[in-house]
N, C-alpha and C. Protein backbone atom coordinates (compact mmCIF):
# COMPACT_ATOMS: atom_id res chain seq x y z
N MET A 1 -17.92 18.87 -39.42
CA MET A 1 -16.97 19.86 -39.54
C MET A 1 -15.86 19.13 -38.78
N SER A 2 -14.71 19.81 -39.15
CA SER A 2 -13.18 19.36 -38.95
C SER A 2 -13.10 19.59 -37.41
N ARG A 3 -12.66 19.03 -36.72
CA ARG A 3 -12.07 19.72 -34.98
C ARG A 3 -11.12 20.53 -35.29
N ILE A 4 -10.25 20.06 -35.78
CA ILE A 4 -8.84 20.89 -35.68
C ILE A 4 -9.11 22.02 -36.33
N GLY A 5 -9.91 22.29 -37.45
CA GLY A 5 -9.80 23.20 -38.50
C GLY A 5 -10.77 24.29 -37.65
N LYS A 6 -11.74 23.86 -36.58
CA LYS A 6 -12.72 24.99 -35.95
C LYS A 6 -11.91 25.65 -35.04
N GLN A 7 -10.86 24.96 -34.44
CA GLN A 7 -9.92 25.42 -33.44
C GLN A 7 -9.34 26.74 -34.18
N PRO A 8 -9.72 28.03 -33.39
CA PRO A 8 -8.69 29.25 -33.64
C PRO A 8 -7.15 29.22 -33.32
N VAL A 9 -6.20 29.53 -34.16
CA VAL A 9 -4.81 29.51 -33.85
C VAL A 9 -4.46 30.84 -33.27
N VAL A 10 -4.03 30.57 -31.97
CA VAL A 10 -4.04 31.67 -31.00
C VAL A 10 -2.53 32.26 -31.17
N ILE A 11 -2.36 33.62 -31.47
CA ILE A 11 -0.91 34.34 -31.53
C ILE A 11 -0.75 34.80 -30.33
N PRO A 12 0.65 34.56 -29.60
CA PRO A 12 1.29 34.87 -28.55
C PRO A 12 1.80 36.21 -28.90
N SER A 13 1.86 36.93 -27.67
CA SER A 13 2.63 38.23 -27.95
C SER A 13 3.71 37.93 -28.33
N GLY A 14 4.09 39.08 -29.32
CA GLY A 14 5.55 38.94 -29.73
C GLY A 14 5.73 38.66 -31.20
N VAL A 15 4.31 38.03 -31.66
CA VAL A 15 4.32 37.33 -33.09
C VAL A 15 3.74 37.95 -33.89
N THR A 16 4.04 38.24 -35.10
CA THR A 16 2.91 38.98 -36.04
C THR A 16 2.61 38.23 -37.21
N VAL A 17 1.74 38.48 -37.47
CA VAL A 17 1.10 37.16 -38.67
C VAL A 17 0.64 38.27 -39.98
N SER A 18 0.68 37.86 -41.22
CA SER A 18 0.32 38.56 -41.92
C SER A 18 0.02 37.93 -43.24
N VAL A 19 -1.14 38.04 -44.33
CA VAL A 19 -1.81 37.40 -45.41
C VAL A 19 -1.66 38.20 -46.34
N ASN A 20 -1.06 37.77 -47.48
CA ASN A 20 -0.96 38.65 -48.89
C ASN A 20 -1.87 38.42 -49.49
N ALA A 21 -1.94 38.81 -50.75
CA ALA A 21 -3.00 38.57 -51.69
C ALA A 21 -3.40 37.38 -52.50
N GLU A 22 -1.92 36.52 -52.52
CA GLU A 22 -1.63 35.11 -52.97
C GLU A 22 -1.96 34.31 -51.99
N ASN A 23 -2.77 34.63 -50.82
CA ASN A 23 -3.21 33.40 -49.62
C ASN A 23 -1.74 33.34 -49.11
N VAL A 24 -0.27 33.91 -49.27
CA VAL A 24 0.25 33.57 -48.58
C VAL A 24 0.60 34.09 -47.02
N ILE A 25 0.79 33.19 -45.80
CA ILE A 25 0.70 33.64 -44.32
C ILE A 25 2.19 33.87 -44.45
N THR A 26 2.58 34.80 -43.49
CA THR A 26 3.80 35.01 -43.07
C THR A 26 3.64 35.08 -41.59
N VAL A 27 4.20 34.29 -41.19
CA VAL A 27 4.67 34.65 -39.43
C VAL A 27 5.76 35.02 -38.99
N LYS A 28 6.06 36.10 -38.14
CA LYS A 28 7.42 36.51 -37.57
C LYS A 28 7.17 36.57 -36.03
N GLY A 29 8.46 35.86 -35.45
CA GLY A 29 8.49 35.61 -34.10
C GLY A 29 9.68 36.33 -33.52
N PRO A 30 9.97 35.84 -32.64
CA PRO A 30 11.35 36.35 -31.86
C PRO A 30 12.64 35.31 -32.33
N LYS A 31 12.16 33.88 -32.79
CA LYS A 31 12.98 33.03 -33.41
C LYS A 31 13.35 33.29 -34.88
N GLY A 32 12.01 33.65 -36.03
CA GLY A 32 12.76 34.00 -36.95
C GLY A 32 11.32 33.93 -37.96
N GLU A 33 11.22 33.48 -39.12
CA GLU A 33 9.89 34.16 -40.01
C GLU A 33 9.97 32.90 -40.62
N LEU A 34 8.45 32.84 -40.78
CA LEU A 34 8.14 31.28 -41.81
C LEU A 34 7.22 31.84 -42.71
N LYS A 35 7.17 31.25 -43.91
CA LYS A 35 6.10 31.08 -44.68
C LYS A 35 5.41 29.88 -45.41
N GLN A 36 4.05 30.34 -45.35
CA GLN A 36 3.08 29.02 -45.90
C GLN A 36 2.38 29.43 -46.93
N ALA A 37 2.09 28.78 -48.13
CA ALA A 37 0.82 28.81 -49.03
C ALA A 37 0.02 28.39 -48.49
N ILE A 38 -1.52 29.13 -48.52
CA ILE A 38 -3.05 28.37 -48.14
C ILE A 38 -3.52 28.33 -49.52
N ASP A 39 -4.41 27.21 -49.48
CA ASP A 39 -5.49 27.13 -50.88
C ASP A 39 -6.50 28.30 -51.13
N ARG A 40 -6.46 28.42 -52.29
CA ARG A 40 -7.03 29.85 -52.30
C ARG A 40 -8.67 29.57 -51.82
N ASP A 41 -9.26 28.41 -51.56
CA ASP A 41 -10.96 27.83 -51.16
C ASP A 41 -10.78 28.34 -49.62
N ILE A 42 -9.83 28.06 -48.81
CA ILE A 42 -9.80 28.14 -47.36
C ILE A 42 -9.63 29.63 -47.29
N LYS A 43 -10.86 30.32 -46.30
CA LYS A 43 -10.81 31.93 -45.70
C LYS A 43 -9.99 32.03 -44.62
N ILE A 44 -8.88 33.19 -44.71
CA ILE A 44 -8.54 33.21 -43.31
C ILE A 44 -8.82 34.34 -42.90
N GLU A 45 -9.20 34.64 -41.60
CA GLU A 45 -9.92 35.72 -40.79
C GLU A 45 -9.30 36.09 -39.46
N GLN A 46 -8.59 37.10 -39.17
CA GLN A 46 -7.67 37.55 -38.33
C GLN A 46 -8.49 38.44 -37.31
N LYS A 47 -8.52 37.87 -36.10
CA LYS A 47 -9.32 38.41 -35.14
C LYS A 47 -8.60 38.90 -34.03
N GLU A 48 -8.02 40.00 -33.54
CA GLU A 48 -7.25 40.40 -32.31
C GLU A 48 -5.98 39.14 -32.22
N ASN A 49 -6.04 38.63 -31.37
CA ASN A 49 -4.70 37.44 -31.16
C ASN A 49 -5.26 36.18 -31.55
N GLU A 50 -6.08 35.97 -32.77
CA GLU A 50 -6.24 34.80 -32.90
C GLU A 50 -6.59 34.58 -34.59
N ILE A 51 -6.17 33.46 -35.32
CA ILE A 51 -6.53 33.17 -36.58
C ILE A 51 -7.46 32.23 -36.81
N ILE A 52 -8.54 32.74 -37.73
CA ILE A 52 -9.62 31.27 -37.53
C ILE A 52 -10.02 31.31 -39.40
N PHE A 53 -9.78 29.72 -39.46
CA PHE A 53 -9.89 29.34 -40.74
C PHE A 53 -11.44 28.88 -41.15
N THR A 54 -11.79 29.32 -42.45
CA THR A 54 -13.33 28.66 -42.94
C THR A 54 -13.31 28.17 -43.99
N ARG A 55 -14.01 27.07 -44.36
CA ARG A 55 -14.24 26.56 -45.87
C ARG A 55 -15.30 26.68 -46.68
N PRO A 56 -15.52 26.80 -47.89
CA PRO A 56 -16.88 27.63 -48.41
C PRO A 56 -17.89 26.02 -48.57
N THR A 57 -17.12 24.67 -48.34
CA THR A 57 -18.49 23.97 -48.48
C THR A 57 -18.11 22.65 -47.90
N ASP A 58 -18.48 21.37 -47.55
CA ASP A 58 -18.63 20.26 -47.14
C ASP A 58 -18.00 19.16 -47.89
N GLN A 59 -17.01 19.58 -49.01
CA GLN A 59 -16.61 18.55 -49.55
C GLN A 59 -15.35 17.99 -49.03
N ILE A 60 -15.09 16.67 -49.54
CA ILE A 60 -13.93 15.75 -48.57
C ILE A 60 -12.75 16.73 -48.80
N ARG A 61 -12.34 17.34 -49.92
CA ARG A 61 -11.65 18.07 -50.28
C ARG A 61 -11.29 18.99 -49.36
N HIS A 62 -12.26 20.05 -49.04
CA HIS A 62 -12.26 21.10 -48.72
C HIS A 62 -12.36 20.94 -46.86
N ARG A 63 -12.82 19.56 -46.60
CA ARG A 63 -12.53 19.48 -45.05
C ARG A 63 -11.36 18.90 -44.96
N ALA A 64 -10.84 18.52 -45.75
CA ALA A 64 -9.27 17.83 -45.67
C ALA A 64 -8.36 18.85 -45.30
N MET A 65 -8.47 19.97 -46.42
CA MET A 65 -7.58 21.06 -46.39
C MET A 65 -7.94 22.18 -45.19
N HIS A 66 -9.22 22.01 -44.77
CA HIS A 66 -9.43 22.72 -43.34
C HIS A 66 -8.41 22.75 -42.05
N GLY A 67 -8.30 21.07 -41.81
CA GLY A 67 -7.33 20.82 -40.67
C GLY A 67 -6.16 21.31 -40.92
N LEU A 68 -5.59 20.61 -42.41
CA LEU A 68 -4.32 20.64 -42.63
C LEU A 68 -4.00 21.96 -42.59
N TYR A 69 -4.44 22.91 -42.81
CA TYR A 69 -3.91 24.51 -42.98
C TYR A 69 -3.87 24.94 -41.54
N ARG A 70 -5.15 24.86 -41.00
CA ARG A 70 -4.93 25.32 -39.47
C ARG A 70 -3.64 24.41 -38.83
N ALA A 71 -3.42 23.49 -38.93
CA ALA A 71 -2.45 22.68 -38.17
C ALA A 71 -1.17 23.10 -38.57
N LEU A 72 -0.82 23.31 -40.11
CA LEU A 72 0.29 24.04 -40.35
C LEU A 72 0.56 25.45 -39.93
N VAL A 73 -0.28 26.06 -39.82
CA VAL A 73 -0.16 27.50 -39.75
C VAL A 73 0.08 27.45 -38.13
N GLY A 74 -0.60 26.57 -37.29
CA GLY A 74 -0.50 26.41 -35.85
C GLY A 74 1.23 25.91 -35.47
N ASN A 75 1.85 24.96 -36.14
CA ASN A 75 3.27 24.86 -36.50
C ASN A 75 3.89 25.57 -36.72
N LEU A 76 3.85 26.85 -37.63
CA LEU A 76 4.75 27.73 -37.63
C LEU A 76 4.60 28.83 -36.56
N VAL A 77 3.41 28.88 -36.10
CA VAL A 77 3.31 29.96 -35.03
C VAL A 77 4.27 29.42 -33.75
N LYS A 78 4.36 27.74 -33.17
CA LYS A 78 4.83 27.36 -32.28
C LYS A 78 6.32 27.48 -32.54
N GLY A 79 6.58 27.00 -34.20
CA GLY A 79 7.84 27.39 -34.49
C GLY A 79 8.63 28.52 -34.01
N VAL A 80 8.22 29.70 -34.78
CA VAL A 80 8.93 31.23 -34.45
C VAL A 80 8.89 31.55 -32.82
N THR A 81 8.08 30.82 -32.07
CA THR A 81 7.86 31.04 -30.55
C THR A 81 9.11 30.05 -29.84
N GLU A 82 8.66 28.54 -30.02
CA GLU A 82 9.26 28.08 -29.20
C GLU A 82 10.21 27.11 -29.62
N GLY A 83 10.28 26.84 -30.82
CA GLY A 83 11.12 25.84 -31.90
C GLY A 83 10.77 24.57 -31.80
N TYR A 84 11.75 23.66 -32.60
CA TYR A 84 11.37 22.10 -32.25
C TYR A 84 12.69 21.63 -32.14
N LYS A 85 12.69 20.39 -31.58
CA LYS A 85 14.23 19.73 -31.07
C LYS A 85 13.60 18.44 -31.71
N LYS A 86 14.39 17.71 -32.16
CA LYS A 86 14.66 16.30 -32.37
C LYS A 86 15.88 15.36 -32.38
N GLU A 87 15.70 14.28 -31.45
CA GLU A 87 16.83 13.65 -30.96
C GLU A 87 17.03 12.63 -31.57
N LEU A 88 18.34 12.15 -32.51
CA LEU A 88 18.67 10.39 -32.99
C LEU A 88 19.85 9.97 -32.14
N GLU A 89 19.71 8.67 -32.07
CA GLU A 89 20.67 7.87 -31.39
C GLU A 89 21.10 6.92 -32.32
N LEU A 90 22.45 6.78 -32.13
CA LEU A 90 23.21 5.51 -32.68
C LEU A 90 23.63 4.39 -31.95
N VAL A 91 22.62 3.24 -32.26
CA VAL A 91 23.01 2.18 -31.71
C VAL A 91 23.77 0.97 -32.42
N GLY A 92 24.97 0.60 -31.96
CA GLY A 92 25.57 -0.33 -32.67
C GLY A 92 27.19 -0.19 -32.30
N VAL A 93 28.15 -1.50 -32.48
CA VAL A 93 29.59 -1.12 -32.17
C VAL A 93 30.10 -0.51 -32.73
N GLY A 94 30.95 0.31 -32.49
CA GLY A 94 31.71 1.57 -33.41
C GLY A 94 31.30 2.79 -34.24
N PHE A 95 29.97 2.78 -34.23
CA PHE A 95 28.84 3.90 -34.90
C PHE A 95 29.06 5.13 -33.82
N LYS A 96 29.88 6.15 -34.85
CA LYS A 96 30.32 7.56 -33.92
C LYS A 96 29.68 8.28 -34.79
N ALA A 97 29.19 9.77 -34.51
CA ALA A 97 29.07 10.70 -34.89
C ALA A 97 29.30 11.77 -34.48
N ALA A 98 30.13 12.63 -35.33
CA ALA A 98 30.83 14.21 -35.07
C ALA A 98 30.36 15.05 -36.03
N ASN A 99 30.26 16.57 -35.61
CA ASN A 99 29.95 17.59 -36.47
C ASN A 99 31.01 18.73 -36.42
N THR A 100 30.84 19.47 -37.71
CA THR A 100 31.86 20.45 -37.73
C THR A 100 30.87 21.76 -38.48
N GLY A 101 30.40 22.39 -37.50
CA GLY A 101 29.39 23.16 -37.91
C GLY A 101 28.19 22.58 -38.27
N ASN A 102 27.46 22.79 -39.48
CA ASN A 102 26.54 21.85 -39.85
C ASN A 102 26.81 20.50 -40.79
N VAL A 103 28.13 20.26 -40.84
CA VAL A 103 28.65 18.78 -41.05
C VAL A 103 28.44 17.91 -40.75
N LEU A 104 27.81 16.71 -40.39
CA LEU A 104 27.79 15.64 -39.81
C LEU A 104 28.98 14.80 -40.34
N ASP A 105 29.56 14.06 -39.70
CA ASP A 105 30.58 12.83 -40.31
C ASP A 105 30.04 11.83 -39.24
N LEU A 106 29.61 10.52 -40.11
CA LEU A 106 28.52 9.37 -39.58
C LEU A 106 29.47 8.01 -39.50
N ALA A 107 29.88 7.57 -38.87
CA ALA A 107 30.55 6.18 -38.91
C ALA A 107 29.30 4.91 -38.55
N LEU A 108 28.78 4.86 -39.61
CA LEU A 108 27.74 3.72 -39.18
C LEU A 108 28.02 2.11 -39.61
N GLY A 109 29.22 1.96 -39.77
CA GLY A 109 29.81 0.33 -40.10
C GLY A 109 29.77 0.24 -41.40
N TYR A 110 29.60 0.91 -42.28
CA TYR A 110 30.40 0.97 -44.00
C TYR A 110 31.66 1.08 -43.87
N SER A 111 32.04 0.76 -45.05
CA SER A 111 33.51 0.93 -45.59
C SER A 111 34.09 2.47 -45.34
N HIS A 112 33.19 3.25 -45.36
CA HIS A 112 33.57 5.02 -45.48
C HIS A 112 32.51 5.38 -44.85
N ASN A 113 32.80 6.62 -44.06
CA ASN A 113 32.44 7.34 -43.51
C ASN A 113 31.32 8.14 -44.51
N ILE A 114 30.16 8.56 -43.71
CA ILE A 114 29.03 9.14 -44.43
C ILE A 114 29.09 10.84 -43.94
N ILE A 115 29.50 11.72 -45.16
CA ILE A 115 29.25 12.98 -44.95
C ILE A 115 28.09 13.37 -45.33
N PHE A 116 26.95 14.16 -44.34
CA PHE A 116 25.87 14.96 -44.26
C PHE A 116 26.10 16.09 -43.87
N GLU A 117 25.38 17.03 -45.09
CA GLU A 117 25.83 18.47 -44.72
C GLU A 117 24.05 18.62 -44.19
N VAL A 118 23.73 19.20 -43.03
CA VAL A 118 22.57 19.44 -42.71
C VAL A 118 22.05 21.35 -43.07
N PRO A 119 20.73 21.10 -44.03
CA PRO A 119 20.54 22.59 -43.96
C PRO A 119 20.98 23.71 -43.01
N GLY A 120 21.35 24.96 -43.76
CA GLY A 120 21.74 26.14 -42.73
C GLY A 120 20.77 26.58 -41.83
N GLU A 121 19.29 26.24 -42.04
CA GLU A 121 18.27 26.92 -41.15
C GLU A 121 18.51 26.13 -39.70
N LEU A 122 18.80 24.86 -39.78
CA LEU A 122 19.11 24.15 -38.79
C LEU A 122 20.30 23.95 -37.94
N LYS A 123 20.10 23.69 -36.46
CA LYS A 123 21.49 23.83 -35.71
C LYS A 123 21.47 22.41 -35.46
N VAL A 124 22.84 21.57 -35.06
CA VAL A 124 23.08 20.24 -35.14
C VAL A 124 24.30 20.15 -33.97
N ALA A 125 24.05 19.26 -33.38
CA ALA A 125 25.11 18.89 -32.24
C ALA A 125 24.74 17.43 -31.94
N THR A 126 26.36 16.94 -31.58
CA THR A 126 26.45 15.61 -31.31
C THR A 126 27.15 15.32 -30.05
N THR A 127 26.68 14.32 -29.49
CA THR A 127 27.45 13.68 -28.05
C THR A 127 27.91 12.50 -28.05
N THR A 128 29.12 12.30 -27.16
CA THR A 128 29.60 10.88 -27.20
C THR A 128 29.78 10.35 -25.86
N GLU A 129 28.84 9.80 -25.00
CA GLU A 129 29.71 9.81 -23.65
C GLU A 129 30.06 8.49 -23.38
N LYS A 130 30.73 8.01 -22.52
CA LYS A 130 31.58 6.83 -22.13
C LYS A 130 30.00 5.93 -21.45
N GLY A 131 30.14 4.81 -22.28
CA GLY A 131 28.72 3.97 -21.78
C GLY A 131 27.39 4.31 -22.16
N GLN A 132 27.37 5.63 -23.06
CA GLN A 132 26.26 5.52 -23.56
C GLN A 132 26.62 5.73 -25.24
N ASN A 133 24.91 5.87 -25.85
CA ASN A 133 25.28 5.65 -27.46
C ASN A 133 25.16 7.14 -27.76
N PRO A 134 26.01 7.13 -28.58
CA PRO A 134 26.40 8.59 -29.59
C PRO A 134 24.81 9.17 -30.30
N LYS A 135 24.77 10.48 -29.80
CA LYS A 135 23.48 11.07 -30.31
C LYS A 135 23.51 12.48 -30.60
N ILE A 136 22.25 12.52 -31.63
CA ILE A 136 22.67 13.94 -32.62
C ILE A 136 21.13 14.66 -32.41
N PHE A 137 21.69 16.17 -32.32
CA PHE A 137 20.51 17.00 -31.60
C PHE A 137 20.30 17.33 -33.07
N LEU A 138 18.96 17.98 -33.44
CA LEU A 138 18.61 18.59 -34.73
C LEU A 138 17.88 19.74 -33.48
N GLU A 139 17.78 20.71 -34.06
CA GLU A 139 16.97 21.97 -33.52
C GLU A 139 17.03 23.25 -34.70
N GLY A 140 15.75 23.62 -34.50
CA GLY A 140 15.27 24.70 -35.75
C GLY A 140 13.62 25.06 -35.15
N ILE A 141 13.08 26.24 -36.41
CA ILE A 141 11.82 26.51 -36.30
C ILE A 141 10.85 25.81 -37.14
N ASP A 142 11.53 25.22 -38.42
CA ASP A 142 10.77 24.72 -39.47
C ASP A 142 10.60 23.02 -38.92
N LYS A 143 9.29 22.75 -38.64
CA LYS A 143 8.87 21.31 -38.13
C LYS A 143 8.89 20.33 -39.39
N GLN A 144 8.81 20.67 -40.53
CA GLN A 144 8.98 19.94 -41.68
C GLN A 144 10.27 19.68 -41.75
N LEU A 145 10.89 20.58 -41.68
CA LEU A 145 12.55 20.48 -42.41
C LEU A 145 13.01 19.62 -41.37
N ILE A 146 12.90 20.03 -39.88
CA ILE A 146 13.56 19.08 -39.00
C ILE A 146 13.05 17.51 -39.00
N GLY A 147 11.95 17.21 -39.39
CA GLY A 147 11.51 15.72 -39.44
C GLY A 147 12.04 15.23 -40.69
N GLN A 148 12.28 15.85 -41.90
CA GLN A 148 12.53 15.33 -43.48
C GLN A 148 14.12 14.98 -43.01
N VAL A 149 14.83 16.32 -42.33
CA VAL A 149 16.06 15.92 -42.19
C VAL A 149 16.41 14.79 -41.29
N ALA A 150 15.59 14.49 -40.00
CA ALA A 150 15.84 13.30 -39.19
C ALA A 150 15.62 12.13 -40.00
N ALA A 151 14.39 12.24 -40.79
CA ALA A 151 14.11 10.80 -41.35
C ALA A 151 14.90 10.31 -42.09
N LYS A 152 15.54 11.32 -42.97
CA LYS A 152 16.98 11.13 -44.19
C LYS A 152 18.45 10.25 -42.95
N LEU A 153 18.42 10.93 -41.86
CA LEU A 153 19.53 10.62 -41.28
C LEU A 153 19.19 9.18 -40.62
N ARG A 154 17.75 8.83 -40.39
CA ARG A 154 17.49 7.67 -39.93
C ARG A 154 17.76 6.61 -41.21
N SER A 155 17.28 7.13 -42.48
CA SER A 155 17.31 5.88 -43.55
C SER A 155 18.74 5.86 -43.99
N LEU A 156 19.81 6.44 -43.51
CA LEU A 156 21.24 5.86 -44.05
C LEU A 156 21.67 4.50 -43.11
N ARG A 157 20.98 4.07 -42.19
CA ARG A 157 21.04 2.77 -41.31
C ARG A 157 19.97 2.71 -40.35
N LYS A 158 18.77 1.90 -40.98
CA LYS A 158 17.51 2.01 -40.17
C LYS A 158 17.83 0.69 -39.05
N PRO A 159 17.21 0.94 -38.13
CA PRO A 159 17.40 0.21 -37.10
C PRO A 159 16.95 -1.35 -37.27
N GLU A 160 17.80 -2.42 -37.30
CA GLU A 160 17.28 -3.91 -37.83
C GLU A 160 16.63 -4.52 -36.51
N PRO A 161 15.83 -5.33 -36.85
CA PRO A 161 14.84 -5.88 -35.81
C PRO A 161 15.39 -7.02 -34.79
N TYR A 162 16.26 -7.60 -35.24
CA TYR A 162 17.13 -8.63 -34.28
C TYR A 162 17.74 -8.07 -33.33
N LYS A 163 19.19 -7.21 -33.41
CA LYS A 163 19.67 -6.67 -32.45
C LYS A 163 19.33 -5.03 -32.33
N GLY A 164 18.62 -4.37 -33.07
CA GLY A 164 18.37 -3.19 -32.78
C GLY A 164 19.23 -2.20 -33.02
N LYS A 165 20.42 -2.30 -33.81
CA LYS A 165 21.44 -1.63 -34.28
C LYS A 165 21.33 -0.77 -35.72
N GLY A 166 21.36 0.17 -35.56
CA GLY A 166 21.39 1.32 -36.57
C GLY A 166 20.66 2.77 -35.98
N VAL A 167 20.41 3.80 -36.88
CA VAL A 167 20.39 5.14 -35.89
C VAL A 167 18.51 5.13 -36.19
N LYS A 168 18.28 5.21 -34.75
CA LYS A 168 16.37 5.69 -34.19
C LYS A 168 16.26 6.80 -33.60
N TYR A 169 15.37 7.16 -33.58
CA TYR A 169 14.92 8.67 -32.84
C TYR A 169 14.77 8.28 -31.20
N ALA A 170 15.31 9.08 -30.46
CA ALA A 170 15.40 8.84 -29.17
C ALA A 170 13.72 8.25 -28.38
N GLY A 171 14.06 7.01 -27.89
CA GLY A 171 12.42 7.02 -27.11
C GLY A 171 11.97 6.45 -27.89
N GLU A 172 12.12 5.76 -29.48
CA GLU A 172 11.54 4.99 -30.57
C GLU A 172 11.22 3.69 -29.75
N ILE A 173 10.55 2.74 -30.01
CA ILE A 173 10.53 1.56 -29.38
C ILE A 173 10.58 0.53 -30.78
N LEU A 174 11.25 -0.24 -30.66
CA LEU A 174 11.71 -0.98 -31.83
C LEU A 174 10.87 -2.25 -31.71
N ARG A 175 10.25 -2.99 -32.56
CA ARG A 175 9.74 -4.24 -32.50
C ARG A 175 10.75 -5.30 -32.54
N ARG A 176 10.99 -6.18 -31.86
CA ARG A 176 12.10 -7.16 -32.02
C ARG A 176 11.80 -8.44 -32.66
N LYS A 177 12.72 -9.23 -33.07
CA LYS A 177 12.31 -10.60 -33.77
C LYS A 177 13.29 -11.70 -32.48
N ALA A 178 12.65 -12.72 -32.45
CA ALA A 178 13.68 -13.68 -32.12
C ALA A 178 14.49 -14.12 -33.06
N GLY A 179 15.63 -14.56 -32.39
CA GLY A 179 16.56 -15.14 -33.41
C GLY A 179 16.48 -16.72 -33.97
N LYS A 180 17.72 -17.10 -34.51
CA LYS A 180 17.41 -18.39 -35.11
C LYS A 180 17.17 -19.36 -33.87
N ALA A 181 16.20 -20.23 -33.84
CA ALA A 181 16.27 -21.36 -32.77
C ALA A 181 16.85 -22.59 -32.64
N ALA A 182 17.16 -22.91 -31.31
CA ALA A 182 18.73 -23.49 -31.15
C ALA A 182 18.37 -25.02 -31.75
N GLY A 183 19.51 -25.63 -32.29
CA GLY A 183 19.25 -26.84 -32.89
C GLY A 183 18.78 -27.93 -32.27
N LYS A 184 18.71 -29.48 -32.29
CA LYS A 184 17.80 -30.24 -31.83
C LYS A 184 19.25 -30.97 -30.74
């Protein structure tokens, strides 16, 4: 039995959950509204302030989806109540980040600046303090979207293993390599 799938999703006060005939679950909360399509084999049962997921058989496919959809709905509930934040750090001489609304202007050591448009569902902020690396802050209610945008920003200049220059997640530990061995 799936350990994650067995756990019920607790619905905090101020959050409403509804399931329609096509098995699409809608979660509304103080920060917004999110929807998630659920596989038709997985049954959703709502009791008072919690949602319980059940699967029809112990097939590998059903076991995998049981935990998956429970986790996805848990992420929706957390997103509409607390929200999600992701922080990226630009490490390198001359690397800069500035934003105008939801448009990021990144100087990452290429011949031209990179203009990156962040989806409207997310809030973006940048900081540049003296003696610190420039930082980009992403905030929103959709965990999948924040992760995808953060991964795309990181892929613009991945951290290299020798000096660690590039765009990295805050708190990310990079595996560093030794440089060239000195001559004889």
